[in-house]
Amino acid sequence: MKTHGPWKIVSSEEVYRDHWLTLRKDEVIRPDGLPGTYSVATLMSGVCVLALDDDNQVYLTEEFHYGVGRTTLEAVSGGVEVGEDAAATARRELAEELGIVAEEWRDMGAVDPLTGSMVSPARLYLAQKLQFGATDHEGTEQIRCVQMSLADAVQMVMSSEITHGPSCVLILKTAQTEL
């Protein structure tokens, strides 16, 4: 039996795995001493990048996302591939999705978007001193670049028009930092 905080794991079984997701089912002894089952989904670690130009304009992606079944507005996001570090992923994703190369990068920390039963860490980056070029979208990506002021992006977070958790945190952190 393995201790996991106040929980005890009696047994653990991987029930699904693909490139992006692993699903594990644990038989546990709960903190109250009763037996139970706990499932944990682990997603590939990710990055979220906010591109900010010298005029305080941000560049966001507008794209249909299969999971939520709607078009969302968010900062550039993507998964960290095996053997790739988060900073390299951030640079690659910004160039692929919006065709932007940045001269200056600032690590803005990390977030765990869902902590109850999901492991899905995301590293946050602010990209500045921007140069614009061609995009290189994957076959599943139909992305439109949306430019707006940082102040408008903050308002869209506050009014729940931007709902992607890492994007919200990154936009608000950037606004706080840039004031």
N, C-alpha and C. Protein backbone atom coordinates (compact mmCIF):
# COMPACT_ATOMS: atom_id res chain seq x y z
N MET A 1 0.85 -1.17 0.00
CA MET A 1 0.00 0.00 0.00
C MET A 1 0.90 1.24 0.00
N LYS A 2 0.55 2.24 -0.82
CA LYS A 2 1.35 3.46 -0.97
C LYS A 2 0.57 4.64 -0.38
N THR A 3 1.25 5.45 0.40
CA THR A 3 0.64 6.66 0.96
C THR A 3 0.67 7.77 -0.08
N HIS A 4 -0.45 8.48 -0.20
CA HIS A 4 -0.59 9.58 -1.16
C HIS A 4 -1.30 10.72 -0.44
N GLY A 5 -0.52 11.57 0.24
CA GLY A 5 -1.12 12.59 1.12
C GLY A 5 -1.89 11.86 2.21
N PRO A 6 -3.14 12.25 2.49
CA PRO A 6 -3.94 11.56 3.50
C PRO A 6 -4.63 10.30 2.96
N TRP A 7 -4.42 9.99 1.69
CA TRP A 7 -5.01 8.82 1.04
C TRP A 7 -4.02 7.66 1.07
N LYS A 8 -4.52 6.44 0.92
CA LYS A 8 -3.68 5.26 0.75
C LYS A 8 -4.13 4.57 -0.54
N ILE A 9 -3.16 4.30 -1.41
CA ILE A 9 -3.46 3.63 -2.68
C ILE A 9 -3.24 2.13 -2.47
N VAL A 10 -4.32 1.37 -2.62
CA VAL A 10 -4.28 -0.08 -2.47
C VAL A 10 -3.77 -0.70 -3.77
N SER A 11 -4.30 -0.24 -4.90
CA SER A 11 -3.85 -0.72 -6.21
C SER A 11 -4.10 0.38 -7.23
N SER A 12 -3.37 0.30 -8.33
CA SER A 12 -3.45 1.30 -9.38
C SER A 12 -3.40 0.60 -10.73
N GLU A 13 -4.29 1.03 -11.64
CA GLU A 13 -4.36 0.39 -12.96
C GLU A 13 -4.49 1.46 -14.03
N GLU A 14 -3.61 1.43 -15.04
CA GLU A 14 -3.76 2.31 -16.19
C GLU A 14 -4.85 1.72 -17.08
N VAL A 15 -5.89 2.51 -17.35
CA VAL A 15 -7.01 1.99 -18.14
C VAL A 15 -7.04 2.55 -19.56
N TYR A 16 -6.27 3.61 -19.83
CA TYR A 16 -6.22 4.17 -21.18
C TYR A 16 -4.96 5.01 -21.34
N ARG A 17 -4.39 5.01 -22.56
CA ARG A 17 -3.23 5.85 -22.87
C ARG A 17 -3.23 6.15 -24.37
N ASP A 18 -2.98 7.41 -24.69
CA ASP A 18 -2.66 7.80 -26.06
C ASP A 18 -1.56 8.87 -25.98
N HIS A 19 -1.30 9.54 -27.08
CA HIS A 19 -0.21 10.53 -27.12
C HIS A 19 -0.45 11.68 -26.14
N TRP A 20 -1.69 12.04 -25.89
CA TRP A 20 -2.03 13.21 -25.09
C TRP A 20 -2.48 12.90 -23.67
N LEU A 21 -3.04 11.72 -23.44
CA LEU A 21 -3.79 11.45 -22.22
C LEU A 21 -3.51 10.07 -21.66
N THR A 22 -3.39 10.00 -20.34
CA THR A 22 -3.34 8.73 -19.63
C THR A 22 -4.43 8.77 -18.56
N LEU A 23 -5.18 7.68 -18.46
CA LEU A 23 -6.24 7.59 -17.45
C LEU A 23 -5.91 6.42 -16.52
N ARG A 24 -5.86 6.72 -15.21
CA ARG A 24 -5.51 5.73 -14.20
C ARG A 24 -6.66 5.59 -13.21
N LYS A 25 -6.92 4.35 -12.81
CA LYS A 25 -7.95 4.06 -11.81
C LYS A 25 -7.26 3.49 -10.57
N ASP A 26 -7.45 4.17 -9.44
CA ASP A 26 -6.85 3.73 -8.18
C ASP A 26 -7.93 3.21 -7.24
N GLU A 27 -7.66 2.08 -6.61
CA GLU A 27 -8.48 1.62 -5.48
C GLU A 27 -7.79 2.19 -4.25
N VAL A 28 -8.54 2.88 -3.41
CA VAL A 28 -7.95 3.67 -2.33
C VAL A 28 -8.63 3.42 -1.00
N ILE A 29 -7.93 3.83 0.04
CA ILE A 29 -8.52 4.03 1.36
C ILE A 29 -8.58 5.54 1.51
N ARG A 30 -9.79 6.07 1.62
CA ARG A 30 -10.00 7.51 1.69
C ARG A 30 -9.50 8.07 3.03
N PRO A 31 -9.37 9.39 3.14
CA PRO A 31 -8.94 9.97 4.42
C PRO A 31 -9.85 9.62 5.59
N ASP A 32 -11.14 9.32 5.31
CA ASP A 32 -12.06 8.94 6.40
C ASP A 32 -11.99 7.46 6.74
N GLY A 33 -11.07 6.72 6.09
CA GLY A 33 -10.87 5.30 6.39
C GLY A 33 -11.70 4.36 5.55
N LEU A 34 -12.62 4.87 4.75
CA LEU A 34 -13.48 4.02 3.91
C LEU A 34 -12.80 3.71 2.59
N PRO A 35 -13.11 2.54 2.00
CA PRO A 35 -12.54 2.21 0.69
C PRO A 35 -13.23 3.03 -0.40
N GLY A 36 -12.55 3.21 -1.50
CA GLY A 36 -13.12 3.95 -2.61
C GLY A 36 -12.31 3.76 -3.88
N THR A 37 -12.77 4.42 -4.92
CA THR A 37 -12.10 4.42 -6.21
C THR A 37 -11.84 5.87 -6.60
N TYR A 38 -10.66 6.15 -7.12
CA TYR A 38 -10.33 7.49 -7.56
C TYR A 38 -9.68 7.37 -8.93
N SER A 39 -10.18 8.14 -9.89
CA SER A 39 -9.61 8.15 -11.23
C SER A 39 -8.84 9.43 -11.45
N VAL A 40 -7.69 9.31 -12.12
CA VAL A 40 -6.85 10.47 -12.40
C VAL A 40 -6.52 10.49 -13.89
N ALA A 41 -6.78 11.63 -14.52
CA ALA A 41 -6.40 11.85 -15.92
C ALA A 41 -5.14 12.69 -15.93
N THR A 42 -4.14 12.25 -16.68
CA THR A 42 -2.90 13.00 -16.83
C THR A 42 -2.77 13.41 -18.29
N LEU A 43 -2.74 14.72 -18.53
CA LEU A 43 -2.56 15.24 -19.87
C LEU A 43 -1.10 15.60 -20.09
N MET A 44 -0.69 15.63 -21.33
CA MET A 44 0.65 16.09 -21.69
C MET A 44 0.84 17.49 -21.10
N SER A 45 2.00 17.77 -20.52
CA SER A 45 2.29 19.11 -20.03
C SER A 45 2.19 20.09 -21.18
N GLY A 46 1.82 21.33 -20.86
CA GLY A 46 1.61 22.30 -21.92
C GLY A 46 2.26 23.64 -21.65
N VAL A 47 2.13 24.51 -22.63
CA VAL A 47 2.57 25.89 -22.53
C VAL A 47 1.44 26.80 -22.97
N CYS A 48 1.49 28.03 -22.52
CA CYS A 48 0.56 29.07 -22.95
C CYS A 48 1.40 30.32 -23.14
N VAL A 49 1.26 30.96 -24.32
CA VAL A 49 2.10 32.09 -24.70
C VAL A 49 1.24 33.28 -25.06
N LEU A 50 1.52 34.43 -24.44
CA LEU A 50 0.85 35.67 -24.80
C LEU A 50 1.86 36.54 -25.54
N ALA A 51 1.55 36.86 -26.79
CA ALA A 51 2.39 37.75 -27.58
C ALA A 51 1.90 39.18 -27.36
N LEU A 52 2.81 40.06 -26.94
CA LEU A 52 2.50 41.45 -26.62
C LEU A 52 3.45 42.36 -27.38
N ASP A 53 2.89 43.28 -28.19
CA ASP A 53 3.77 44.16 -28.96
C ASP A 53 4.07 45.46 -28.20
N ASP A 54 4.85 46.32 -28.81
CA ASP A 54 5.29 47.57 -28.17
C ASP A 54 4.14 48.55 -27.94
N ASP A 55 3.02 48.35 -28.62
CA ASP A 55 1.84 49.23 -28.46
C ASP A 55 0.82 48.63 -27.51
N ASN A 56 1.21 47.64 -26.72
CA ASN A 56 0.33 46.96 -25.75
C ASN A 56 -0.83 46.22 -26.43
N GLN A 57 -0.59 45.75 -27.64
CA GLN A 57 -1.54 44.92 -28.36
C GLN A 57 -1.15 43.46 -28.14
N VAL A 58 -2.15 42.60 -27.91
CA VAL A 58 -1.90 41.17 -27.77
C VAL A 58 -2.44 40.45 -28.99
N TYR A 59 -1.91 39.27 -29.23
CA TYR A 59 -2.29 38.46 -30.39
C TYR A 59 -2.77 37.12 -29.86
N LEU A 60 -4.05 36.84 -30.09
CA LEU A 60 -4.70 35.64 -29.56
C LEU A 60 -5.14 34.74 -30.71
N THR A 61 -5.43 33.49 -30.36
CA THR A 61 -5.95 32.55 -31.35
C THR A 61 -7.45 32.42 -31.19
N GLU A 62 -8.13 32.33 -32.31
CA GLU A 62 -9.56 32.01 -32.32
C GLU A 62 -9.69 30.72 -33.10
N GLU A 63 -10.25 29.69 -32.43
CA GLU A 63 -10.26 28.36 -33.02
C GLU A 63 -11.37 27.53 -32.40
N PHE A 64 -11.98 26.65 -33.20
CA PHE A 64 -12.95 25.70 -32.68
C PHE A 64 -12.17 24.63 -31.90
N HIS A 65 -12.62 24.37 -30.66
CA HIS A 65 -11.99 23.33 -29.85
C HIS A 65 -12.98 22.20 -29.63
N TYR A 66 -12.57 21.03 -30.09
CA TYR A 66 -13.43 19.84 -30.08
C TYR A 66 -13.98 19.53 -28.69
N GLY A 67 -13.13 19.58 -27.67
CA GLY A 67 -13.53 19.19 -26.31
C GLY A 67 -14.70 19.99 -25.78
N VAL A 68 -14.67 21.32 -25.95
CA VAL A 68 -15.76 22.16 -25.44
C VAL A 68 -16.83 22.40 -26.50
N GLY A 69 -16.56 21.99 -27.73
CA GLY A 69 -17.55 22.07 -28.79
C GLY A 69 -17.90 23.48 -29.23
N ARG A 70 -16.94 24.40 -29.13
CA ARG A 70 -17.20 25.77 -29.56
C ARG A 70 -15.89 26.47 -29.90
N THR A 71 -16.03 27.61 -30.54
CA THR A 71 -14.88 28.44 -30.87
C THR A 71 -14.49 29.24 -29.64
N THR A 72 -13.19 29.24 -29.33
CA THR A 72 -12.69 29.98 -28.18
C THR A 72 -11.63 30.98 -28.61
N LEU A 73 -11.44 31.96 -27.76
CA LEU A 73 -10.39 32.95 -27.93
C LEU A 73 -9.40 32.73 -26.80
N GLU A 74 -8.13 32.54 -27.14
CA GLU A 74 -7.13 32.24 -26.11
C GLU A 74 -5.74 32.58 -26.60
N ALA A 75 -4.81 32.59 -25.65
CA ALA A 75 -3.40 32.74 -25.99
C ALA A 75 -2.94 31.46 -26.70
N VAL A 76 -1.82 31.53 -27.35
CA VAL A 76 -1.26 30.36 -28.03
C VAL A 76 -1.00 29.28 -26.98
N SER A 77 -1.42 28.06 -27.29
CA SER A 77 -1.21 26.94 -26.36
C SER A 77 -0.80 25.70 -27.13
N GLY A 78 -0.08 24.82 -26.44
CA GLY A 78 0.31 23.57 -27.07
C GLY A 78 0.97 22.64 -26.08
N GLY A 79 1.14 21.40 -26.51
CA GLY A 79 1.72 20.38 -25.66
C GLY A 79 3.23 20.28 -25.82
N VAL A 80 3.89 19.99 -24.70
CA VAL A 80 5.34 19.82 -24.68
C VAL A 80 5.65 18.38 -25.11
N GLU A 81 6.32 18.24 -26.22
CA GLU A 81 6.66 16.92 -26.75
C GLU A 81 7.78 16.29 -25.92
N VAL A 82 7.85 14.98 -25.93
CA VAL A 82 8.90 14.25 -25.22
C VAL A 82 10.26 14.73 -25.73
N GLY A 83 11.14 15.09 -24.79
CA GLY A 83 12.48 15.54 -25.14
C GLY A 83 12.57 17.03 -25.45
N GLU A 84 11.45 17.74 -25.42
CA GLU A 84 11.43 19.17 -25.71
C GLU A 84 11.19 19.91 -24.40
N ASP A 85 11.92 21.00 -24.15
CA ASP A 85 11.63 21.75 -22.93
C ASP A 85 10.53 22.76 -23.20
N ALA A 86 9.92 23.27 -22.13
CA ALA A 86 8.75 24.14 -22.25
C ALA A 86 9.07 25.42 -23.03
N ALA A 87 10.24 26.01 -22.82
CA ALA A 87 10.59 27.25 -23.53
C ALA A 87 10.67 27.00 -25.04
N ALA A 88 11.25 25.88 -25.43
CA ALA A 88 11.33 25.55 -26.86
C ALA A 88 9.93 25.32 -27.43
N THR A 89 9.07 24.66 -26.66
CA THR A 89 7.69 24.44 -27.10
C THR A 89 6.98 25.78 -27.31
N ALA A 90 7.17 26.70 -26.37
CA ALA A 90 6.53 28.02 -26.47
C ALA A 90 6.96 28.73 -27.75
N ARG A 91 8.24 28.71 -28.05
CA ARG A 91 8.74 29.36 -29.27
C ARG A 91 8.15 28.68 -30.52
N ARG A 92 8.14 27.36 -30.52
CA ARG A 92 7.62 26.61 -31.67
C ARG A 92 6.15 26.88 -31.88
N GLU A 93 5.36 26.81 -30.81
CA GLU A 93 3.90 27.00 -30.93
C GLU A 93 3.55 28.41 -31.39
N LEU A 94 4.25 29.43 -30.88
CA LEU A 94 3.95 30.81 -31.30
C LEU A 94 4.24 30.98 -32.79
N ALA A 95 5.34 30.41 -33.25
CA ALA A 95 5.67 30.51 -34.68
C ALA A 95 4.69 29.72 -35.54
N GLU A 96 4.34 28.51 -35.12
CA GLU A 96 3.42 27.68 -35.90
C GLU A 96 2.02 28.27 -35.96
N GLU A 97 1.48 28.66 -34.80
CA GLU A 97 0.07 29.06 -34.75
C GLU A 97 -0.17 30.47 -35.24
N LEU A 98 0.72 31.42 -34.93
CA LEU A 98 0.48 32.81 -35.33
C LEU A 98 1.57 33.38 -36.24
N GLY A 99 2.61 32.61 -36.53
CA GLY A 99 3.68 33.10 -37.39
C GLY A 99 4.51 34.18 -36.73
N ILE A 100 4.57 34.17 -35.40
CA ILE A 100 5.28 35.20 -34.65
C ILE A 100 6.56 34.62 -34.06
N VAL A 101 7.65 35.38 -34.22
CA VAL A 101 8.92 35.08 -33.58
C VAL A 101 9.18 36.24 -32.62
N ALA A 102 9.55 35.93 -31.39
CA ALA A 102 9.78 36.96 -30.38
C ALA A 102 11.25 37.02 -30.00
N GLU A 103 11.74 38.22 -29.81
CA GLU A 103 13.13 38.43 -29.38
C GLU A 103 13.26 38.31 -27.86
N GLU A 104 12.22 38.74 -27.13
CA GLU A 104 12.27 38.71 -25.67
C GLU A 104 11.20 37.75 -25.13
N TRP A 105 11.62 36.94 -24.15
CA TRP A 105 10.73 35.97 -23.52
C TRP A 105 10.80 36.12 -22.01
N ARG A 106 9.64 36.04 -21.38
CA ARG A 106 9.60 36.10 -19.92
C ARG A 106 8.77 34.92 -19.41
N ASP A 107 9.36 34.15 -18.53
CA ASP A 107 8.66 33.05 -17.89
C ASP A 107 7.73 33.65 -16.84
N MET A 108 6.43 33.40 -16.99
CA MET A 108 5.42 33.99 -16.11
C MET A 108 4.88 32.99 -15.09
N GLY A 109 5.56 31.86 -14.94
CA GLY A 109 5.14 30.89 -13.93
C GLY A 109 4.37 29.73 -14.52
N ALA A 110 3.63 29.05 -13.67
CA ALA A 110 2.90 27.85 -14.09
C ALA A 110 1.52 27.83 -13.45
N VAL A 111 0.63 27.06 -14.05
CA VAL A 111 -0.70 26.84 -13.49
C VAL A 111 -1.04 25.36 -13.60
N ASP A 112 -1.87 24.91 -12.69
CA ASP A 112 -2.50 23.60 -12.74
C ASP A 112 -3.99 23.86 -12.94
N PRO A 113 -4.47 23.83 -14.19
CA PRO A 113 -5.85 24.24 -14.47
C PRO A 113 -6.92 23.48 -13.70
N LEU A 114 -6.73 22.19 -13.49
CA LEU A 114 -7.70 21.37 -12.77
C LEU A 114 -6.93 20.48 -11.80
N THR A 115 -7.21 20.57 -10.51
CA THR A 115 -6.41 19.83 -9.54
C THR A 115 -7.14 18.69 -8.87
N GLY A 116 -8.44 18.58 -9.04
CA GLY A 116 -9.21 17.54 -8.36
C GLY A 116 -8.89 16.14 -8.84
N SER A 117 -8.92 15.93 -10.13
CA SER A 117 -8.67 14.59 -10.66
C SER A 117 -7.92 14.65 -11.99
N MET A 118 -7.24 15.76 -12.24
CA MET A 118 -6.50 15.89 -13.49
C MET A 118 -5.12 16.49 -13.23
N VAL A 119 -4.13 15.92 -13.89
CA VAL A 119 -2.77 16.45 -13.88
C VAL A 119 -2.57 17.07 -15.25
N SER A 120 -2.45 18.40 -15.31
CA SER A 120 -2.37 19.10 -16.58
C SER A 120 -1.59 20.40 -16.44
N PRO A 121 -0.31 20.33 -16.03
CA PRO A 121 0.45 21.56 -15.79
C PRO A 121 0.71 22.33 -17.08
N ALA A 122 0.67 23.66 -16.96
CA ALA A 122 0.97 24.53 -18.10
C ALA A 122 1.95 25.61 -17.66
N ARG A 123 3.01 25.78 -18.43
CA ARG A 123 4.00 26.84 -18.19
C ARG A 123 3.55 28.06 -18.99
N LEU A 124 3.63 29.24 -18.38
CA LEU A 124 3.15 30.48 -18.99
C LEU A 124 4.32 31.34 -19.44
N TYR A 125 4.20 31.92 -20.65
CA TYR A 125 5.25 32.77 -21.19
C TYR A 125 4.67 34.04 -21.79
N LEU A 126 5.40 35.13 -21.62
CA LEU A 126 5.11 36.40 -22.28
C LEU A 126 6.17 36.59 -23.35
N ALA A 127 5.72 36.81 -24.58
CA ALA A 127 6.63 37.02 -25.71
C ALA A 127 6.54 38.48 -26.16
N GLN A 128 7.70 39.14 -26.32
CA GLN A 128 7.73 40.55 -26.72
C GLN A 128 8.81 40.78 -27.77
N LYS A 129 8.83 41.99 -28.33
CA LYS A 129 9.72 42.34 -29.45
C LYS A 129 9.45 41.36 -30.59
N LEU A 130 8.27 41.52 -31.17
CA LEU A 130 7.71 40.55 -32.10
C LEU A 130 8.08 40.82 -33.55
N GLN A 131 8.26 39.74 -34.29
CA GLN A 131 8.41 39.78 -35.74
C GLN A 131 7.36 38.83 -36.31
N PHE A 132 6.72 39.24 -37.41
CA PHE A 132 5.61 38.48 -37.96
C PHE A 132 6.00 37.81 -39.27
N GLY A 133 5.60 36.55 -39.40
CA GLY A 133 5.89 35.78 -40.60
C GLY A 133 4.73 34.85 -40.91
N ALA A 134 5.05 33.77 -41.61
CA ALA A 134 4.03 32.81 -42.03
C ALA A 134 3.75 31.79 -40.92
N THR A 135 2.51 31.33 -40.87
CA THR A 135 2.11 30.29 -39.92
C THR A 135 2.44 28.92 -40.50
N ASP A 136 2.36 27.90 -39.65
CA ASP A 136 2.58 26.52 -40.08
C ASP A 136 1.61 25.64 -39.30
N HIS A 137 0.32 25.76 -39.60
CA HIS A 137 -0.72 25.04 -38.86
C HIS A 137 -0.68 23.55 -39.13
N GLU A 138 -1.04 22.78 -38.08
CA GLU A 138 -1.23 21.34 -38.23
C GLU A 138 -2.55 21.11 -38.95
N GLY A 139 -2.78 19.90 -39.43
CA GLY A 139 -3.99 19.58 -40.17
C GLY A 139 -5.27 19.77 -39.37
N THR A 140 -5.19 19.72 -38.05
CA THR A 140 -6.38 19.87 -37.21
C THR A 140 -6.64 21.33 -36.84
N GLU A 141 -5.72 22.23 -37.20
CA GLU A 141 -5.82 23.62 -36.74
C GLU A 141 -6.39 24.54 -37.83
N GLN A 142 -7.45 25.23 -37.49
CA GLN A 142 -7.99 26.30 -38.32
C GLN A 142 -8.03 27.53 -37.42
N ILE A 143 -6.91 28.22 -37.36
CA ILE A 143 -6.70 29.29 -36.39
C ILE A 143 -6.77 30.65 -37.08
N ARG A 144 -7.49 31.55 -36.43
CA ARG A 144 -7.52 32.95 -36.86
C ARG A 144 -6.83 33.78 -35.79
N CYS A 145 -5.93 34.66 -36.20
CA CYS A 145 -5.23 35.55 -35.28
C CYS A 145 -6.14 36.74 -34.97
N VAL A 146 -6.29 37.04 -33.68
CA VAL A 146 -7.11 38.17 -33.24
C VAL A 146 -6.20 39.11 -32.45
N GLN A 147 -6.13 40.35 -32.92
CA GLN A 147 -5.32 41.38 -32.26
C GLN A 147 -6.24 42.31 -31.48
N MET A 148 -5.84 42.65 -30.26
CA MET A 148 -6.60 43.60 -29.44
C MET A 148 -5.67 44.17 -28.39
N SER A 149 -6.13 45.20 -27.71
CA SER A 149 -5.32 45.78 -26.64
C SER A 149 -5.30 44.83 -25.45
N LEU A 150 -4.24 44.91 -24.66
CA LEU A 150 -4.15 44.12 -23.44
C LEU A 150 -5.34 44.46 -22.53
N ALA A 151 -5.71 45.74 -22.47
CA ALA A 151 -6.85 46.15 -21.64
C ALA A 151 -8.14 45.48 -22.09
N ASP A 152 -8.35 45.36 -23.41
CA ASP A 152 -9.55 44.68 -23.91
C ASP A 152 -9.51 43.19 -23.58
N ALA A 153 -8.32 42.58 -23.65
CA ALA A 153 -8.20 41.17 -23.30
C ALA A 153 -8.54 40.96 -21.83
N VAL A 154 -8.08 41.86 -20.96
CA VAL A 154 -8.43 41.77 -19.53
C VAL A 154 -9.95 41.85 -19.37
N GLN A 155 -10.59 42.78 -20.05
CA GLN A 155 -12.05 42.91 -19.97
C GLN A 155 -12.75 41.63 -20.43
N MET A 156 -12.21 41.00 -21.47
CA MET A 156 -12.80 39.76 -21.98
C MET A 156 -12.62 38.60 -20.99
N VAL A 157 -11.51 38.61 -20.24
CA VAL A 157 -11.35 37.63 -19.17
C VAL A 157 -12.40 37.88 -18.10
N MET A 158 -12.54 39.13 -17.69
CA MET A 158 -13.45 39.48 -16.60
C MET A 158 -14.92 39.24 -16.97
N SER A 159 -15.26 39.32 -18.24
CA SER A 159 -16.64 39.09 -18.67
C SER A 159 -16.87 37.66 -19.16
N SER A 160 -15.89 36.79 -18.96
CA SER A 160 -15.96 35.37 -19.34
C SER A 160 -16.10 35.15 -20.85
N GLU A 161 -15.60 36.08 -21.62
CA GLU A 161 -15.52 35.87 -23.07
C GLU A 161 -14.25 35.09 -23.41
N ILE A 162 -13.22 35.23 -22.59
CA ILE A 162 -12.03 34.38 -22.65
C ILE A 162 -12.12 33.49 -21.42
N THR A 163 -12.20 32.17 -21.64
CA THR A 163 -12.43 31.24 -20.53
C THR A 163 -11.33 30.19 -20.35
N HIS A 164 -10.41 30.09 -21.27
CA HIS A 164 -9.32 29.13 -21.17
C HIS A 164 -8.46 29.50 -19.96
N GLY A 165 -8.42 28.63 -18.96
CA GLY A 165 -7.78 28.93 -17.68
C GLY A 165 -6.37 29.47 -17.78
N PRO A 166 -5.44 28.77 -18.44
CA PRO A 166 -4.08 29.30 -18.53
C PRO A 166 -4.02 30.67 -19.23
N SER A 167 -4.85 30.88 -20.25
CA SER A 167 -4.88 32.18 -20.93
C SER A 167 -5.35 33.27 -19.98
N CYS A 168 -6.39 32.98 -19.20
CA CYS A 168 -6.90 33.96 -18.24
C CYS A 168 -5.82 34.36 -17.24
N VAL A 169 -5.16 33.37 -16.67
CA VAL A 169 -4.12 33.66 -15.69
C VAL A 169 -2.99 34.46 -16.33
N LEU A 170 -2.58 34.07 -17.52
CA LEU A 170 -1.47 34.74 -18.20
C LEU A 170 -1.84 36.19 -18.56
N ILE A 171 -3.03 36.41 -19.07
CA ILE A 171 -3.46 37.77 -19.41
C ILE A 171 -3.49 38.65 -18.16
N LEU A 172 -4.05 38.14 -17.07
CA LEU A 172 -4.12 38.93 -15.84
C LEU A 172 -2.74 39.17 -15.22
N LYS A 173 -1.88 38.16 -15.25
CA LYS A 173 -0.52 38.34 -14.75
C LYS A 173 0.23 39.38 -15.58
N THR A 174 0.06 39.32 -16.88
CA THR A 174 0.72 40.28 -17.77
C THR A 174 0.22 41.69 -17.50
N ALA A 175 -1.08 41.85 -17.36
CA ALA A 175 -1.64 43.17 -17.08
C ALA A 175 -1.10 43.71 -15.76
N GLN A 176 -1.01 42.86 -14.77
CA GLN A 176 -0.48 43.28 -13.46
C GLN A 176 1.00 43.65 -13.56
N THR A 177 1.75 42.91 -14.34
CA THR A 177 3.18 43.14 -14.51
C THR A 177 3.45 44.39 -15.32
N GLU A 178 2.63 44.61 -16.35
CA GLU A 178 2.86 45.71 -17.28
C GLU A 178 2.37 47.06 -16.77
N LEU A 179 1.58 47.08 -15.68
CA LEU A 179 1.04 48.36 -15.18
C LEU A 179 2.11 49.24 -14.57
